[in-house]
Amino acid sequence: MTDAGRTLKSYAVPGRPIRDAHDVPVLASTKRLAHTNLDAWADAIDLRAHAADLDPDTRTILAKAWSEIAAAEHASIAAFAQLALDLLALGAPSDLVDATHEAARDEIRHARTGYAIALAFADATLGPGPLVVPARPAIDLVTLATETFRDGCIGETIAALEMHEASKRAVPELEPVLARIAEDESRHAELAWRIVAWAVCEGGTDVRDAIGAITFAYGEQARPARGGMFGIVDGATLAAVWAHALAVVVVPCRDELLHG
């Protein structure tokens, strides 16, 4: 995001990112888990029959893709924990704090799902290494609102629609799992709008102007071949989701919030 125009880039994976001082998302490295930790970060999702039909290179690509998705969901746990602290620091209502903690618990489940899917394509059980959580400077309403608009109102709206599309294309074992993630991300997006609305009421013109100054930009993203069966939509579908999210949800809701 740039200060001039506050251009927002698209999001490759669901989940609210936690960022370093340079605005770069921070992820834990993926590691092989010891035998005693086989169930530490993976739910039971059996995709072995489908994985057996794939060549080794495709399995490696899909394992990497889902490991990255899982790592992003894992980092989102910290992002929502930080958001809860930010809300407390700014005197937010208890219902927003409570919903934020609920979202963090959702992200634990999402991370476990992601690592479980990666497991189906990998030769070893995978999980997260340590997550180095960046230091957080003092928060203010404008920063809270713009970050929440970017990562929640936009990012998680797109994530919800992307997971909805992914569920429709996925193998039967994944369809209900991805559909539930889509529902969760939709609730997270709704929470983001509630937080931004509260920030606008509290912060007035400064917050309104900051949200109104945000513009949007989409960057094409490479996606693995044959990913659609396994929850990873193709680039063209993602671009359509991004455009639909902005035109039908994000822009109208922002206009209503700022000018309604």
Protein backbone atom coordinates (compact mmCIF):
# COMPACT_ATOMS: atom_id res chain seq x y z
CA MET A 1 0.00 0.00 0.00
CA THR A 2 1.32 3.43 -0.83
CA ASP A 3 0.62 6.56 1.16
CA ALA A 4 -0.32 8.46 -2.01
CA GLY A 5 -3.55 6.92 -3.19
CA ARG A 6 -3.29 3.96 -0.80
CA THR A 7 -3.21 1.42 -3.64
CA LEU A 8 -4.24 -2.04 -2.55
CA LYS A 9 -2.93 -5.22 -4.11
CA SER A 10 -4.94 -8.41 -4.38
CA TYR A 11 -4.74 -11.34 -1.99
CA ALA A 12 -3.51 -14.78 -3.02
CA VAL A 13 -4.84 -16.72 -0.05
CA PRO A 14 -7.59 -16.43 2.53
CA GLY A 15 -6.83 -15.11 5.97
CA ARG A 16 -5.97 -11.74 7.51
CA PRO A 17 -2.19 -11.18 7.24
CA ILE A 18 0.09 -9.93 9.97
CA ARG A 19 2.67 -7.54 8.53
CA ASP A 20 6.14 -6.29 9.36
CA ALA A 21 7.29 -2.66 9.48
CA HIS A 22 7.59 -2.65 5.67
CA ASP A 23 3.99 -3.82 5.19
CA VAL A 24 5.10 -7.30 4.10
CA PRO A 25 3.09 -10.30 5.36
CA VAL A 26 5.00 -12.43 7.87
CA LEU A 27 4.68 -16.22 7.75
CA ALA A 28 6.11 -19.09 9.75
CA SER A 29 8.30 -21.45 7.76
CA THR A 30 6.85 -24.85 6.96
CA LYS A 31 8.65 -27.78 8.56
CA ARG A 32 8.38 -31.54 8.80
CA LEU A 33 6.75 -32.53 12.07
CA ALA A 34 8.19 -35.16 14.36
CA HIS A 35 6.26 -38.40 14.78
CA THR A 36 4.96 -37.35 18.20
CA ASN A 37 3.42 -34.24 16.65
CA LEU A 38 1.61 -35.85 13.74
CA ASP A 39 -1.78 -34.45 14.78
CA ALA A 40 -0.52 -31.09 16.05
CA TRP A 41 -1.48 -29.04 12.99
CA ALA A 42 -3.52 -31.32 10.74
CA ASP A 43 -7.13 -32.45 10.69
CA ALA A 44 -8.20 -35.73 9.13
CA ILE A 45 -8.91 -35.21 5.43
CA ASP A 46 -8.26 -38.27 3.29
CA LEU A 47 -7.33 -37.33 -0.27
CA ARG A 48 -4.96 -40.24 -0.87
CA ALA A 49 -7.07 -41.82 -3.60
CA HIS A 50 -7.02 -38.59 -5.60
CA ALA A 51 -3.36 -37.87 -4.90
CA ALA A 52 -2.37 -41.31 -6.15
CA ASP A 53 -3.54 -40.34 -9.64
CA LEU A 54 -1.17 -37.35 -9.80
CA ASP A 55 2.42 -37.33 -11.00
CA PRO A 56 5.13 -36.51 -8.43
CA ASP A 57 5.74 -32.99 -9.76
CA THR A 58 2.05 -32.09 -9.49
CA ARG A 59 1.88 -33.47 -5.94
CA THR A 60 4.92 -31.39 -4.99
CA ILE A 61 3.36 -28.24 -6.44
CA LEU A 62 0.05 -28.83 -4.65
CA ALA A 63 1.78 -29.62 -1.35
CA LYS A 64 3.69 -26.33 -1.62
CA ALA A 65 0.57 -24.37 -2.56
CA TRP A 66 -1.45 -25.69 0.36
CA SER A 67 1.48 -25.32 2.76
CA GLU A 68 1.59 -21.63 1.82
CA ILE A 69 -2.17 -21.28 2.31
CA ALA A 70 -1.90 -23.02 5.68
CA ALA A 71 0.98 -20.75 6.72
CA ALA A 72 -1.12 -17.70 5.85
CA GLU A 73 -4.03 -19.00 7.90
CA HIS A 74 -1.63 -19.77 10.76
CA ALA A 75 -0.33 -16.17 10.65
CA SER A 76 -3.92 -14.94 10.71
CA ILE A 77 -4.26 -16.31 14.23
CA ALA A 78 -1.66 -13.77 15.33
CA ALA A 79 -3.24 -11.06 13.18
CA PHE A 80 -6.60 -11.43 14.92
CA ALA A 81 -4.92 -11.62 18.32
CA GLN A 82 -3.21 -8.31 17.52
CA LEU A 83 -6.47 -6.86 16.26
CA ALA A 84 -8.12 -7.72 19.57
CA LEU A 85 -5.36 -5.87 21.42
CA ASP A 86 -5.73 -2.89 19.08
CA LEU A 87 -9.48 -2.78 19.69
CA LEU A 88 -8.94 -2.88 23.44
CA ALA A 89 -6.34 -0.12 23.21
CA LEU A 90 -8.84 2.09 21.38
CA GLY A 91 -11.78 1.37 23.69
CA ALA A 92 -13.85 -0.67 21.23
CA PRO A 93 -17.15 -2.31 22.23
CA SER A 94 -16.98 -5.77 23.76
CA ASP A 95 -18.90 -7.43 20.91
CA LEU A 96 -16.15 -6.48 18.45
CA VAL A 97 -13.45 -7.85 20.74
CA ASP A 98 -15.40 -11.06 21.30
CA ALA A 99 -15.99 -11.61 17.56
CA THR A 100 -12.30 -10.99 16.90
CA HIS A 101 -11.31 -13.76 19.30
CA GLU A 102 -13.84 -16.06 17.64
CA ALA A 103 -12.25 -15.29 14.27
CA ALA A 104 -8.82 -16.22 15.66
CA ARG A 105 -10.21 -19.60 16.67
CA ASP A 106 -11.58 -20.03 13.14
CA GLU A 107 -8.10 -19.42 11.78
CA ILE A 108 -6.67 -22.21 13.94
CA ARG A 109 -9.09 -24.59 12.25
CA HIS A 110 -8.29 -23.16 8.81
CA ALA A 111 -4.56 -23.68 9.37
CA ARG A 112 -5.14 -27.27 10.46
CA THR A 113 -7.22 -27.83 7.34
CA GLY A 114 -4.53 -26.36 5.10
CA TYR A 115 -1.75 -28.49 6.54
CA ALA A 116 -3.98 -31.57 6.33
CA ILE A 117 -4.58 -30.98 2.62
CA ALA A 118 -0.85 -30.40 2.08
CA LEU A 119 -0.22 -33.72 3.84
CA ALA A 120 -2.19 -35.54 1.13
CA PHE A 121 0.39 -34.51 -1.47
CA ALA A 122 3.59 -34.51 0.60
CA ASP A 123 5.89 -37.33 1.65
CA ALA A 124 5.93 -36.06 5.23
CA THR A 125 3.57 -34.45 7.73
CA LEU A 126 3.97 -30.68 7.54
CA GLY A 127 3.32 -27.92 10.04
CA PRO A 128 4.41 -24.41 11.02
CA GLY A 129 7.72 -23.44 12.51
CA PRO A 130 7.98 -20.52 14.94
CA LEU A 131 6.17 -17.35 13.90
CA VAL A 132 8.18 -14.20 14.56
CA VAL A 133 5.49 -11.66 15.41
CA PRO A 134 6.54 -8.12 14.43
CA ALA A 135 6.59 -5.36 17.03
CA ARG A 136 3.45 -3.26 16.83
CA PRO A 137 3.67 0.55 17.09
CA ALA A 138 0.98 2.45 18.94
CA ILE A 139 -2.36 2.14 17.15
CA ASP A 140 -4.75 4.94 16.17
CA LEU A 141 -8.23 4.93 14.65
CA VAL A 142 -7.09 5.89 11.14
CA THR A 143 -4.55 3.06 11.01
CA LEU A 144 -7.01 0.57 12.46
CA ALA A 145 -9.67 1.57 9.94
CA THR A 146 -7.45 1.52 6.84
CA GLU A 147 -5.78 -1.77 7.76
CA THR A 148 -9.13 -3.34 8.55
CA PHE A 149 -10.64 -2.07 5.33
CA ARG A 150 -7.74 -3.49 3.32
CA ASP A 151 -7.29 -6.85 5.03
CA GLY A 152 -10.86 -7.43 6.16
CA CYS A 153 -13.42 -5.59 4.06
CA ILE A 154 -11.49 -6.29 0.85
CA GLY A 155 -9.20 -9.22 1.59
CA GLU A 156 -11.65 -11.41 3.42
CA THR A 157 -14.55 -10.60 1.12
CA ILE A 158 -12.38 -11.86 -1.75
CA ALA A 159 -11.29 -14.85 0.33
CA ALA A 160 -14.89 -15.80 1.07
CA LEU A 161 -15.90 -15.63 -2.58
CA GLU A 162 -12.75 -17.46 -3.68
CA MET A 163 -13.36 -20.31 -1.24
CA HIS A 164 -16.99 -20.46 -2.35
CA GLU A 165 -15.86 -20.88 -5.96
CA ALA A 166 -13.23 -23.39 -4.89
CA SER A 167 -15.80 -25.50 -3.06
CA LYS A 168 -17.93 -25.79 -6.19
CA ARG A 169 -14.99 -27.16 -8.19
CA ALA A 170 -13.40 -29.39 -5.55
CA VAL A 171 -13.50 -33.15 -5.10
CA PRO A 172 -16.36 -34.33 -2.80
CA GLU A 173 -14.08 -34.77 0.21
CA LEU A 174 -13.11 -31.09 0.11
CA GLU A 175 -16.40 -29.44 -0.88
CA PRO A 176 -17.90 -29.11 2.64
CA VAL A 177 -14.53 -28.20 4.16
CA LEU A 178 -13.98 -25.32 1.74
CA ALA A 179 -17.61 -24.23 1.99
CA ARG A 180 -17.22 -23.85 5.76
CA ILE A 181 -14.06 -21.79 5.29
CA ALA A 182 -16.01 -19.58 2.88
CA GLU A 183 -18.69 -19.06 5.54
CA ASP A 184 -16.05 -18.21 8.14
CA GLU A 185 -14.31 -15.73 5.86
CA SER A 186 -17.67 -14.11 5.11
CA ARG A 187 -18.23 -13.58 8.85
CA HIS A 188 -14.72 -12.17 9.16
CA ALA A 189 -15.45 -9.72 6.36
CA GLU A 190 -18.70 -8.71 8.05
CA LEU A 191 -16.77 -8.15 11.29
CA ALA A 192 -14.32 -5.93 9.41
CA TRP A 193 -17.16 -3.74 8.16
CA ARG A 194 -18.48 -3.44 11.71
CA ILE A 195 -15.05 -2.40 12.96
CA VAL A 196 -14.62 0.18 10.21
CA ALA A 197 -18.12 1.55 10.86
CA TRP A 198 -17.28 1.93 14.54
CA ALA A 199 -13.97 3.62 13.67
CA VAL A 200 -15.77 6.06 11.36
CA CYS A 201 -18.22 6.96 14.12
CA GLU A 202 -15.42 7.46 16.61
CA GLY A 203 -12.87 9.12 14.34
CA GLY A 204 -15.07 11.23 12.10
CA THR A 205 -13.62 13.10 9.15
CA ASP A 206 -10.04 11.83 9.48
CA VAL A 207 -11.15 8.21 9.25
CA ARG A 208 -13.68 8.90 6.49
CA ASP A 209 -11.06 10.68 4.38
CA ALA A 210 -8.54 7.86 4.85
CA ILE A 211 -11.04 5.19 3.79
CA GLY A 212 -12.26 7.31 0.89
CA ALA A 213 -8.69 7.76 -0.41
CA ILE A 214 -8.10 4.04 -0.87
CA THR A 215 -7.91 2.87 -4.48
CA PHE A 216 -7.68 -0.65 -5.86
CA ALA A 217 -5.29 -2.51 -8.14
CA TYR A 218 -5.26 -6.15 -9.15
CA GLY A 219 -2.13 -8.13 -10.01
CA GLU A 220 -2.42 -11.43 -11.86
CA GLN A 221 -1.40 -14.47 -9.86
CA ALA A 222 0.03 -17.76 -11.09
CA ARG A 223 -1.91 -20.82 -10.03
CA PRO A 224 -0.89 -24.51 -10.28
CA ALA A 225 -2.37 -26.61 -13.06
CA ARG A 226 -5.00 -29.12 -11.87
CA GLY A 227 -5.44 -27.12 -8.69
CA GLY A 228 -9.18 -26.66 -9.16
CA MET A 229 -10.02 -30.17 -7.97
CA PHE A 230 -8.12 -29.47 -4.78
CA GLY A 231 -9.35 -26.06 -3.72
CA ILE A 232 -7.12 -23.72 -5.72
CA VAL A 233 -9.06 -21.76 -8.35
CA ASP A 234 -7.39 -20.76 -11.60
CA GLY A 235 -6.11 -17.25 -12.26
CA ALA A 236 -9.00 -16.25 -14.49
CA THR A 237 -11.56 -17.27 -11.88
CA LEU A 238 -9.67 -15.39 -9.18
CA ALA A 239 -9.58 -12.25 -11.31
CA ALA A 240 -13.35 -12.53 -11.85
CA VAL A 241 -13.88 -13.01 -8.10
CA TRP A 242 -11.77 -9.94 -7.36
CA ALA A 243 -13.72 -7.78 -9.83
CA HIS A 244 -17.07 -9.06 -8.55
CA ALA A 245 -16.10 -8.45 -4.93
CA LEU A 246 -15.19 -4.85 -5.63
CA ALA A 247 -18.15 -4.02 -7.86
CA VAL A 248 -20.90 -5.77 -5.91
CA VAL A 249 -19.71 -5.65 -2.30
CA VAL A 250 -16.73 -3.45 -1.47
CA VAL A 251 -17.42 -0.23 -3.40
CA PRO A 252 -21.19 -0.08 -2.72
CA CYS A 253 -20.71 -0.86 0.97
CA ARG A 254 -17.95 1.72 1.32
CA ASP A 255 -20.08 4.35 -0.43
CA GLU A 256 -23.00 3.59 1.86
CA LEU A 257 -20.75 3.74 4.92
CA LEU A 258 -19.16 7.06 3.98
CA HIS A 259 -22.06 8.84 2.29
CA GLY A 260 -25.23 6.97 3.26
